[in-house]
Amino acid sequence: MLIARVVGSAVSTIKDEKLKDRKLLICCQTDETGKVIGKPYVAVDTVDAGEGDLVLTAAGSSARQTTTTKNTPVDSVIMAVIDSLVVEGKVTFRN
């Protein structure tokens, strides 16, 4: 799993039928404080996340393990919106 920030969205009218009606969001990996440190990537949203949200994502075959993405051609999925992060007893992020 990766911690990521939703930085935008992607719209595709022509896509695989299994992705129809799926929201595609652009994410960037972050550190434990929510600071963006990675390149952007597209993830299928399963939890109604939005731009600016800090989220948990899964990639590869793990991305196809949610009810929404099972047996679909996805490589990354948003599976949780983060409320807070605590690292070594210190709150590093709170929504």
PDB file of N, CA and C in Angstrom:
ATOM      1  N   MET A   1       0.832  -1.180   0.000  1.00  0.00           N
ATOM      2  CA  MET A   1       0.000   0.000   0.000  1.00  0.00           C
ATOM      3  C   MET A   1       0.877   1.244   0.000  1.00  0.00           C
ATOM      4  N   LEU A   2       0.373   2.269  -0.647  1.00  0.00           N
ATOM      5  CA  LEU A   2       1.055   3.553  -0.681  1.00  0.00           C
ATOM      6  C   LEU A   2       0.140   4.630  -0.124  1.00  0.00           C
ATOM      7  N   ILE A   3       0.746   5.614   0.559  1.00  0.00           N
ATOM      8  CA  ILE A   3       0.013   6.819   0.950  1.00  0.00           C
ATOM      9  C   ILE A   3       0.137   7.771  -0.229  1.00  0.00           C
ATOM     10  N   ALA A   4      -0.992   8.344  -0.651  1.00  0.00           N
ATOM     11  CA  ALA A   4      -0.972   9.231  -1.824  1.00  0.00           C
ATOM     12  C   ALA A   4      -1.951  10.376  -1.623  1.00  0.00           C
ATOM     13  N   ARG A   5      -1.733  11.441  -2.375  1.00  0.00           N
ATOM     14  CA  ARG A   5      -2.663  12.568  -2.391  1.00  0.00           C
ATOM     15  C   ARG A   5      -3.328  12.603  -3.759  1.00  0.00           C
ATOM     16  N   VAL A   6      -4.655  12.801  -3.756  1.00  0.00           N
ATOM     17  CA  VAL A   6      -5.392  12.957  -5.007  1.00  0.00           C
ATOM     18  C   VAL A   6      -5.137  14.370  -5.509  1.00  0.00           C
ATOM     19  N   VAL A   7      -4.584  14.470  -6.730  1.00  0.00           N
ATOM     20  CA  VAL A   7      -4.223  15.779  -7.271  1.00  0.00           C
ATOM     21  C   VAL A   7      -5.046  16.172  -8.493  1.00  0.00           C
ATOM     22  N   GLY A   8      -5.896  15.274  -8.963  1.00  0.00           N
ATOM     23  CA  GLY A   8      -6.709  15.590 -10.129  1.00  0.00           C
ATOM     24  C   GLY A   8      -7.547  14.415 -10.569  1.00  0.00           C
ATOM     25  N   SER A   9      -8.114  14.524 -11.748  1.00  0.00           N
ATOM     26  CA  SER A   9      -8.950  13.441 -12.277  1.00  0.00           C
ATOM     27  C   SER A   9      -8.630  13.217 -13.742  1.00  0.00           C
ATOM     28  N   ALA A  10      -9.006  12.050 -14.227  1.00  0.00           N
ATOM     29  CA  ALA A  10      -8.834  11.711 -15.637  1.00  0.00           C
ATOM     30  C   ALA A  10     -10.196  11.307 -16.181  1.00  0.00           C
ATOM     31  N   VAL A  11     -10.525  11.796 -17.371  1.00  0.00           N
ATOM     32  CA  VAL A  11     -11.790  11.470 -18.011  1.00  0.00           C
ATOM     33  C   VAL A  11     -11.486  10.716 -19.288  1.00  0.00           C
ATOM     34  N   SER A  12     -12.159   9.578 -19.464  1.00  0.00           N
ATOM     35  CA  SER A  12     -11.973   8.765 -20.656  1.00  0.00           C
ATOM     36  C   SER A  12     -13.330   8.247 -21.116  1.00  0.00           C
ATOM     37  N   THR A  13     -13.770   8.701 -22.268  1.00  0.00           N
ATOM     38  CA  THR A  13     -15.067   8.252 -22.773  1.00  0.00           C
ATOM     39  C   THR A  13     -14.951   6.930 -23.515  1.00  0.00           C
ATOM     40  N   ILE A  14     -13.767   6.627 -24.039  1.00  0.00           N
ATOM     41  CA  ILE A  14     -13.542   5.353 -24.719  1.00  0.00           C
ATOM     42  C   ILE A  14     -12.597   4.539 -23.848  1.00  0.00           C
ATOM     43  N   LYS A  15     -13.116   3.436 -23.291  1.00  0.00           N
ATOM     44  CA  LYS A  15     -12.304   2.602 -22.396  1.00  0.00           C
ATOM     45  C   LYS A  15     -12.875   1.195 -22.346  1.00  0.00           C
ATOM     46  N   ASP A  16     -12.151   0.300 -21.715  1.00  0.00           N
ATOM     47  CA  ASP A  16     -12.612  -1.066 -21.544  1.00  0.00           C
ATOM     48  C   ASP A  16     -13.978  -1.066 -20.864  1.00  0.00           C
ATOM     49  N   GLU A  17     -14.859  -1.918 -21.306  1.00  0.00           N
ATOM     50  CA  GLU A  17     -16.228  -1.992 -20.777  1.00  0.00           C
ATOM     51  C   GLU A  17     -16.248  -2.206 -19.261  1.00  0.00           C
ATOM     52  N   LYS A  18     -15.282  -2.927 -18.720  1.00  0.00           N
ATOM     53  CA  LYS A  18     -15.246  -3.198 -17.279  1.00  0.00           C
ATOM     54  C   LYS A  18     -14.917  -1.954 -16.462  1.00  0.00           C
ATOM     55  N   LEU A  19     -14.430  -0.906 -17.126  1.00  0.00           N
ATOM     56  CA  LEU A  19     -14.118   0.342 -16.424  1.00  0.00           C
ATOM     57  C   LEU A  19     -15.222   1.380 -16.567  1.00  0.00           C
ATOM     58  N   LYS A  20     -16.280   1.020 -17.264  1.00  0.00           N
ATOM     59  CA  LYS A  20     -17.395   1.943 -17.451  1.00  0.00           C
ATOM     60  C   LYS A  20     -17.965   2.340 -16.085  1.00  0.00           C
ATOM     61  N   ASP A  21     -18.282   3.618 -15.923  1.00  0.00           N
ATOM     62  CA  ASP A  21     -18.836   4.178 -14.686  1.00  0.00           C
ATOM     63  C   ASP A  21     -17.859   4.158 -13.515  1.00  0.00           C
ATOM     64  N   ARG A  22     -16.584   4.023 -13.778  1.00  0.00           N
ATOM     65  CA  ARG A  22     -15.570   4.070 -12.726  1.00  0.00           C
ATOM     66  C   ARG A  22     -14.880   5.424 -12.759  1.00  0.00           C
ATOM     67  N   LYS A  23     -14.721   6.045 -11.579  1.00  0.00           N
ATOM     68  CA  LYS A  23     -14.039   7.338 -11.469  1.00  0.00           C
ATOM     69  C   LYS A  23     -12.531   7.089 -11.458  1.00  0.00           C
ATOM     70  N   LEU A  24     -11.813   7.818 -12.307  1.00  0.00           N
ATOM     71  CA  LEU A  24     -10.363   7.707 -12.396  1.00  0.00           C
ATOM     72  C   LEU A  24      -9.746   8.968 -11.812  1.00  0.00           C
ATOM     73  N   LEU A  25      -8.900   8.805 -10.801  1.00  0.00           N
ATOM     74  CA  LEU A  25      -8.276   9.949 -10.138  1.00  0.00           C
ATOM     75  C   LEU A  25      -6.772   9.899 -10.289  1.00  0.00           C
ATOM     76  N   ILE A  26      -6.156  11.074 -10.378  1.00  0.00           N
ATOM     77  CA  ILE A  26      -4.706  11.172 -10.473  1.00  0.00           C
ATOM     78  C   ILE A  26      -4.151  11.336  -9.063  1.00  0.00           C
ATOM     79  N   CYS A  27      -3.226  10.460  -8.711  1.00  0.00           N
ATOM     80  CA  CYS A  27      -2.618  10.445  -7.370  1.00  0.00           C
ATOM     81  C   CYS A  27      -1.121  10.637  -7.469  1.00  0.00           C
ATOM     82  N   CYS A  28      -0.528  11.149  -6.398  1.00  0.00           N
ATOM     83  CA  CYS A  28       0.930  11.226  -6.249  1.00  0.00           C
ATOM     84  C   CYS A  28       1.278  10.660  -4.884  1.00  0.00           C
ATOM     85  N   GLN A  29       2.287   9.803  -4.847  1.00  0.00           N
ATOM     86  CA  GLN A  29       2.738   9.247  -3.573  1.00  0.00           C
ATOM     87  C   GLN A  29       3.209  10.368  -2.666  1.00  0.00           C
ATOM     88  N   THR A  30       2.975  10.212  -1.349  1.00  0.00           N
ATOM     89  CA  THR A  30       3.412  11.203  -0.367  1.00  0.00           C
ATOM     90  C   THR A  30       4.268  10.542   0.709  1.00  0.00           C
ATOM     91  N   ASP A  31       4.895  11.381   1.518  1.00  0.00           N
ATOM     92  CA  ASP A  31       5.562  10.876   2.712  1.00  0.00           C
ATOM     93  C   ASP A  31       4.537  10.792   3.840  1.00  0.00           C
ATOM     94  N   GLU A  32       4.993  10.494   5.045  1.00  0.00           N
ATOM     95  CA  GLU A  32       4.072  10.293   6.173  1.00  0.00           C
ATOM     96  C   GLU A  32       3.416  11.579   6.662  1.00  0.00           C
ATOM     97  N   THR A  33       3.847  12.728   6.147  1.00  0.00           N
ATOM     98  CA  THR A  33       3.218  13.999   6.526  1.00  0.00           C
ATOM     99  C   THR A  33       2.223  14.483   5.477  1.00  0.00           C
ATOM    100  N   GLY A  34       2.159  13.783   4.356  1.00  0.00           N
ATOM    101  CA  GLY A  34       1.261  14.182   3.278  1.00  0.00           C
ATOM    102  C   GLY A  34       1.943  15.008   2.203  1.00  0.00           C
ATOM    103  N   LYS A  35       3.265  15.207   2.309  1.00  0.00           N
ATOM    104  CA  LYS A  35       4.013  15.960   1.299  1.00  0.00           C
ATOM    105  C   LYS A  35       4.238  15.071   0.070  1.00  0.00           C
ATOM    106  N   VAL A  36       3.882  15.593  -1.101  1.00  0.00           N
ATOM    107  CA  VAL A  36       4.026  14.838  -2.352  1.00  0.00           C
ATOM    108  C   VAL A  36       5.496  14.567  -2.641  1.00  0.00           C
ATOM    109  N   ILE A  37       5.822  13.291  -2.925  1.00  0.00           N
ATOM    110  CA  ILE A  37       7.198  12.900  -3.229  1.00  0.00           C
ATOM    111  C   ILE A  37       7.300  12.055  -4.496  1.00  0.00           C
ATOM    112  N   GLY A  38       6.178  11.672  -5.070  1.00  0.00           N
ATOM    113  CA  GLY A  38       6.228  10.765  -6.217  1.00  0.00           C
ATOM    114  C   GLY A  38       5.611  11.329  -7.472  1.00  0.00           C
ATOM    115  N   LYS A  39       5.763  10.548  -8.546  1.00  0.00           N
ATOM    116  CA  LYS A  39       5.192  10.906  -9.841  1.00  0.00           C
ATOM    117  C   LYS A  39       3.689  10.632  -9.836  1.00  0.00           C
ATOM    118  N   PRO A  40       2.949  11.332 -10.688  1.00  0.00           N
ATOM    119  CA  PRO A  40       1.513  11.089 -10.763  1.00  0.00           C
ATOM    120  C   PRO A  40       1.184   9.745 -11.417  1.00  0.00           C
ATOM    121  N   TYR A  41       0.096   9.150 -10.960  1.00  0.00           N
ATOM    122  CA  TYR A  41      -0.417   7.920 -11.555  1.00  0.00           C
ATOM    123  C   TYR A  41      -1.934   7.926 -11.419  1.00  0.00           C
ATOM    124  N   VAL A  42      -2.594   7.147 -12.256  1.00  0.00           N
ATOM    125  CA  VAL A  42      -4.054   7.091 -12.255  1.00  0.00           C
ATOM    126  C   VAL A  42      -4.504   5.881 -11.453  1.00  0.00           C
ATOM    127  N   ALA A  43      -5.505   6.082 -10.605  1.00  0.00           N
ATOM    128  CA  ALA A  43      -6.063   4.999  -9.797  1.00  0.00           C
ATOM    129  C   ALA A  43      -7.583   4.996  -9.916  1.00  0.00           C
ATOM    130  N   VAL A  44      -8.166   3.811  -9.886  1.00  0.00           N
ATOM    131  CA  VAL A  44      -9.621   3.682  -9.870  1.00  0.00           C
ATOM    132  C   VAL A  44     -10.093   3.959  -8.446  1.00  0.00           C
ATOM    133  N   ASP A  45     -11.068   4.853  -8.308  1.00  0.00           N
ATOM    134  CA  ASP A  45     -11.587   5.237  -6.993  1.00  0.00           C
ATOM    135  C   ASP A  45     -12.713   4.296  -6.579  1.00  0.00           C
ATOM    136  N   THR A  46     -12.586   3.672  -5.409  1.00  0.00           N
ATOM    137  CA  THR A  46     -13.643   2.790  -4.899  1.00  0.00           C
ATOM    138  C   THR A  46     -14.316   3.344  -3.652  1.00  0.00           C
ATOM    139  N   VAL A  47     -13.865   4.527  -3.187  1.00  0.00           N
ATOM    140  CA  VAL A  47     -14.355   5.041  -1.898  1.00  0.00           C
ATOM    141  C   VAL A  47     -14.865   6.478  -1.959  1.00  0.00           C
ATOM    142  N   ASP A  48     -15.096   6.988  -3.151  1.00  0.00           N
ATOM    143  CA  ASP A  48     -15.596   8.350  -3.355  1.00  0.00           C
ATOM    144  C   ASP A  48     -14.621   9.399  -2.819  1.00  0.00           C
ATOM    145  N   ALA A  49     -13.338   9.211  -3.109  1.00  0.00           N
ATOM    146  CA  ALA A  49     -12.319  10.193  -2.743  1.00  0.00           C
ATOM    147  C   ALA A  49     -12.443  11.405  -3.658  1.00  0.00           C
ATOM    148  N   GLY A  50     -11.786  12.487  -3.268  1.00  0.00           N
ATOM    149  CA  GLY A  50     -11.819  13.698  -4.070  1.00  0.00           C
ATOM    150  C   GLY A  50     -10.480  14.393  -4.075  1.00  0.00           C
ATOM    151  N   GLU A  51     -10.357  15.393  -4.923  1.00  0.00           N
ATOM    152  CA  GLU A  51      -9.108  16.133  -5.045  1.00  0.00           C
ATOM    153  C   GLU A  51      -8.710  16.717  -3.691  1.00  0.00           C
ATOM    154  N   GLY A  52      -7.433  16.533  -3.336  1.00  0.00           N
ATOM    155  CA  GLY A  52      -6.901  17.011  -2.065  1.00  0.00           C
ATOM    156  C   GLY A  52      -6.885  15.960  -0.973  1.00  0.00           C
ATOM    157  N   ASP A  53      -7.670  14.903  -1.123  1.00  0.00           N
ATOM    158  CA  ASP A  53      -7.720  13.850  -0.098  1.00  0.00           C
ATOM    159  C   ASP A  53      -6.402  13.090  -0.027  1.00  0.00           C
ATOM    160  N   LEU A  54      -6.034  12.685   1.183  1.00  0.00           N
ATOM    161  CA  LEU A  54      -4.930  11.760   1.398  1.00  0.00           C
ATOM    162  C   LEU A  54      -5.550  10.374   1.431  1.00  0.00           C
ATOM    163  N   VAL A  55      -5.014   9.451   0.644  1.00  0.00           N
ATOM    164  CA  VAL A  55      -5.642   8.146   0.461  1.00  0.00           C
ATOM    165  C   VAL A  55      -4.625   7.016   0.566  1.00  0.00           C
ATOM    166  N   LEU A  56      -5.133   5.796   0.700  1.00  0.00           N
ATOM    167  CA  LEU A  56      -4.318   4.591   0.592  1.00  0.00           C
ATOM    168  C   LEU A  56      -4.601   3.969  -0.758  1.00  0.00           C
ATOM    169  N   THR A  57      -3.547   3.603  -1.460  1.00  0.00           N
ATOM    170  CA  THR A  57      -3.713   2.942  -2.745  1.00  0.00           C
ATOM    171  C   THR A  57      -3.001   1.600  -2.740  1.00  0.00           C
ATOM    172  N   ALA A  58      -3.464   0.709  -3.588  1.00  0.00           N
ATOM    173  CA  ALA A  58      -2.803  -0.578  -3.810  1.00  0.00           C
ATOM    174  C   ALA A  58      -2.515  -0.674  -5.296  1.00  0.00           C
ATOM    175  N   ALA A  59      -1.449  -1.389  -5.644  1.00  0.00           N
ATOM    176  CA  ALA A  59      -1.057  -1.502  -7.045  1.00  0.00           C
ATOM    177  C   ALA A  59      -0.834  -2.956  -7.433  1.00  0.00           C
ATOM    178  N   GLY A  60      -0.759  -3.174  -8.729  1.00  0.00           N
ATOM    179  CA  GLY A  60      -0.515  -4.515  -9.252  1.00  0.00           C
ATOM    180  C   GLY A  60      -1.709  -5.421  -9.020  1.00  0.00           C
ATOM    181  N   SER A  61      -1.444  -6.692  -8.797  1.00  0.00           N
ATOM    182  CA  SER A  61      -2.538  -7.656  -8.626  1.00  0.00           C
ATOM    183  C   SER A  61      -3.390  -7.342  -7.396  1.00  0.00           C
ATOM    184  N   SER A  62      -2.818  -6.684  -6.403  1.00  0.00           N
ATOM    185  CA  SER A  62      -3.594  -6.286  -5.214  1.00  0.00           C
ATOM    186  C   SER A  62      -4.690  -5.298  -5.572  1.00  0.00           C
ATOM    187  N   ALA A  63      -4.495  -4.510  -6.623  1.00  0.00           N
ATOM    188  CA  ALA A  63      -5.493  -3.528  -7.046  1.00  0.00           C
ATOM    189  C   ALA A  63      -6.754  -4.201  -7.571  1.00  0.00           C
ATOM    190  N   ARG A  64      -6.660  -5.465  -7.917  1.00  0.00           N
ATOM    191  CA  ARG A  64      -7.816  -6.190  -8.452  1.00  0.00           C
ATOM    192  C   ARG A  64      -8.502  -7.046  -7.388  1.00  0.00           C
ATOM    193  N   GLN A  65      -8.260  -6.745  -6.129  1.00  0.00           N
ATOM    194  CA  GLN A  65      -8.830  -7.535  -5.046  1.00  0.00           C
ATOM    195  C   GLN A  65     -10.041  -6.889  -4.387  1.00  0.00           C
ATOM    196  N   THR A  66     -10.405  -5.666  -4.760  1.00  0.00           N
ATOM    197  CA  THR A  66     -11.591  -5.042  -4.174  1.00  0.00           C
ATOM    198  C   THR A  66     -12.835  -5.544  -4.893  1.00  0.00           C
ATOM    199  N   THR A  67     -13.976  -5.391  -4.271  1.00  0.00           N
ATOM    200  CA  THR A  67     -15.236  -5.792  -4.893  1.00  0.00           C
ATOM    201  C   THR A  67     -15.450  -5.052  -6.205  1.00  0.00           C
ATOM    202  N   THR A  68     -15.105  -3.783  -6.234  1.00  0.00           N
ATOM    203  CA  THR A  68     -15.308  -2.944  -7.414  1.00  0.00           C
ATOM    204  C   THR A  68     -14.367  -3.291  -8.559  1.00  0.00           C
ATOM    205  N   THR A  69     -13.135  -3.690  -8.253  1.00  0.00           N
ATOM    206  CA  THR A  69     -12.124  -3.882  -9.297  1.00  0.00           C
ATOM    207  C   THR A  69     -11.829  -5.339  -9.625  1.00  0.00           C
ATOM    208  N   LYS A  70     -12.517  -6.258  -8.994  1.00  0.00           N
ATOM    209  CA  LYS A  70     -12.259  -7.687  -9.242  1.00  0.00           C
ATOM    210  C   LYS A  70     -12.432  -7.996 -10.730  1.00  0.00           C
ATOM    211  N   ASN A  71     -11.442  -8.677 -11.293  1.00  0.00           N
ATOM    212  CA  ASN A  71     -11.447  -9.092 -12.702  1.00  0.00           C
ATOM    213  C   ASN A  71     -11.535  -7.918 -13.683  1.00  0.00           C
ATOM    214  N   THR A  72     -10.944  -6.779 -13.308  1.00  0.00           N
ATOM    215  CA  THR A  72     -10.896  -5.637 -14.220  1.00  0.00           C
ATOM    216  C   THR A  72      -9.441  -5.304 -14.549  1.00  0.00           C
ATOM    217  N   PRO A  73      -9.202  -4.629 -15.664  1.00  0.00           N
ATOM    218  CA  PRO A  73      -7.827  -4.319 -16.069  1.00  0.00           C
ATOM    219  C   PRO A  73      -7.292  -3.064 -15.376  1.00  0.00           C
ATOM    220  N   VAL A  74      -7.099  -3.145 -14.062  1.00  0.00           N
ATOM    221  CA  VAL A  74      -6.580  -1.999 -13.311  1.00  0.00           C
ATOM    222  C   VAL A  74      -5.238  -2.340 -12.682  1.00  0.00           C
ATOM    223  N   ASP A  75      -4.410  -1.327 -12.533  1.00  0.00           N
ATOM    224  CA  ASP A  75      -3.112  -1.512 -11.902  1.00  0.00           C
ATOM    225  C   ASP A  75      -2.986  -0.725 -10.608  1.00  0.00           C
ATOM    226  N   SER A  76      -3.942   0.181 -10.349  1.00  0.00           N
ATOM    227  CA  SER A  76      -3.911   0.949  -9.115  1.00  0.00           C
ATOM    228  C   SER A  76      -5.329   1.287  -8.683  1.00  0.00           C
ATOM    229  N   VAL A  77      -5.570   1.204  -7.373  1.00  0.00           N
ATOM    230  CA  VAL A  77      -6.907   1.450  -6.836  1.00  0.00           C
ATOM    231  C   VAL A  77      -6.804   2.267  -5.553  1.00  0.00           C
ATOM    232  N   ILE A  78      -7.749   3.192  -5.373  1.00  0.00           N
ATOM    233  CA  ILE A  78      -7.883   3.909  -4.104  1.00  0.00           C
ATOM    234  C   ILE A  78      -8.849   3.106  -3.261  1.00  0.00           C
ATOM    235  N   MET A  79      -8.392   2.677  -2.085  1.00  0.00           N
ATOM    236  CA  MET A  79      -9.220   1.794  -1.255  1.00  0.00           C
ATOM    237  C   MET A  79      -9.558   2.373   0.100  1.00  0.00           C
ATOM    238  N   ALA A  80      -9.005   3.557   0.427  1.00  0.00           N
ATOM    239  CA  ALA A  80      -9.326   4.192   1.712  1.00  0.00           C
ATOM    240  C   ALA A  80      -8.971   5.666   1.659  1.00  0.00           C
ATOM    241  N   VAL A  81      -9.754   6.481   2.364  1.00  0.00           N
ATOM    242  CA  VAL A  81      -9.422   7.887   2.587  1.00  0.00           C
ATOM    243  C   VAL A  81      -8.867   7.967   4.003  1.00  0.00           C
ATOM    244  N   ILE A  82      -7.703   8.584   4.153  1.00  0.00           N
ATOM    245  CA  ILE A  82      -7.020   8.634   5.448  1.00  0.00           C
ATOM    246  C   ILE A  82      -7.564   9.786   6.294  1.00  0.00           C
ATOM    247  N   ASP A  83      -7.918   9.483   7.547  1.00  0.00           N
ATOM    248  CA  ASP A  83      -8.356  10.502   8.496  1.00  0.00           C
ATOM    249  C   ASP A  83      -7.172  11.081   9.268  1.00  0.00           C
ATOM    250  N   SER A  84      -6.235  10.206   9.666  1.00  0.00           N
ATOM    251  CA  SER A  84      -5.057  10.683  10.385  1.00  0.00           C
ATOM    252  C   SER A  84      -3.933   9.665  10.263  1.00  0.00           C
ATOM    253  N   LEU A  85      -2.716  10.155  10.475  1.00  0.00           N
ATOM    254  CA  LEU A  85      -1.532   9.310  10.502  1.00  0.00           C
ATOM    255  C   LEU A  85      -0.780   9.581  11.797  1.00  0.00           C
ATOM    256  N   VAL A  86      -0.352   8.532  12.461  1.00  0.00           N
ATOM    257  CA  VAL A  86       0.458   8.645  13.669  1.00  0.00           C
ATOM    258  C   VAL A  86       1.724   7.837  13.425  1.00  0.00           C
ATOM    259  N   VAL A  87       2.888   8.499  13.509  1.00  0.00           N
ATOM    260  CA  VAL A  87       4.168   7.851  13.279  1.00  0.00           C
ATOM    261  C   VAL A  87       5.023   8.035  14.523  1.00  0.00           C
ATOM    262  N   GLU A  88       5.457   6.912  15.108  1.00  0.00           N
ATOM    263  CA  GLU A  88       6.278   6.930  16.320  1.00  0.00           C
ATOM    264  C   GLU A  88       5.640   7.770  17.416  1.00  0.00           C
ATOM    265  N   GLY A  89       4.324   7.627  17.567  1.00  0.00           N
ATOM    266  CA  GLY A  89       3.599   8.310  18.619  1.00  0.00           C
ATOM    267  C   GLY A  89       3.244   9.761  18.344  1.00  0.00           C
ATOM    268  N   LYS A  90       3.655  10.276  17.180  1.00  0.00           N
ATOM    269  CA  LYS A  90       3.400  11.683  16.837  1.00  0.00           C
ATOM    270  C   LYS A  90       2.406  11.748  15.670  1.00  0.00           C
ATOM    271  N   VAL A  91       1.395  12.602  15.808  1.00  0.00           N
ATOM    272  CA  VAL A  91       0.433  12.804  14.726  1.00  0.00           C
ATOM    273  C   VAL A  91       1.134  13.578  13.613  1.00  0.00           C
ATOM    274  N   THR A  92       1.246  12.952  12.434  1.00  0.00           N
ATOM    275  CA  THR A  92       1.907  13.614  11.307  1.00  0.00           C
ATOM    276  C   THR A  92       0.899  14.155  10.295  1.00  0.00           C
ATOM    277  N   PHE A  93      -0.350  13.694  10.371  1.00  0.00           N
ATOM    278  CA  PHE A  93      -1.410  14.182   9.496  1.00  0.00           C
ATOM    279  C   PHE A  93      -2.751  13.982  10.179  1.00  0.00           C
ATOM    280  N   ARG A  94      -3.599  14.985  10.076  1.00  0.00           N
ATOM    281  CA  ARG A  94      -4.975  14.869  10.571  1.00  0.00           C
ATOM    282  C   ARG A  94      -5.868  15.627   9.595  1.00  0.00           C
ATOM    283  N   ASN A  95      -6.919  14.973   9.161  1.00  0.00           N
ATOM    284  CA  ASN A  95      -7.839  15.585   8.205  1.00  0.00           C
ATOM    285  C   ASN A  95      -8.760  16.542   8.916  1.00  0.00           C
TER     286      ASN A  95
END
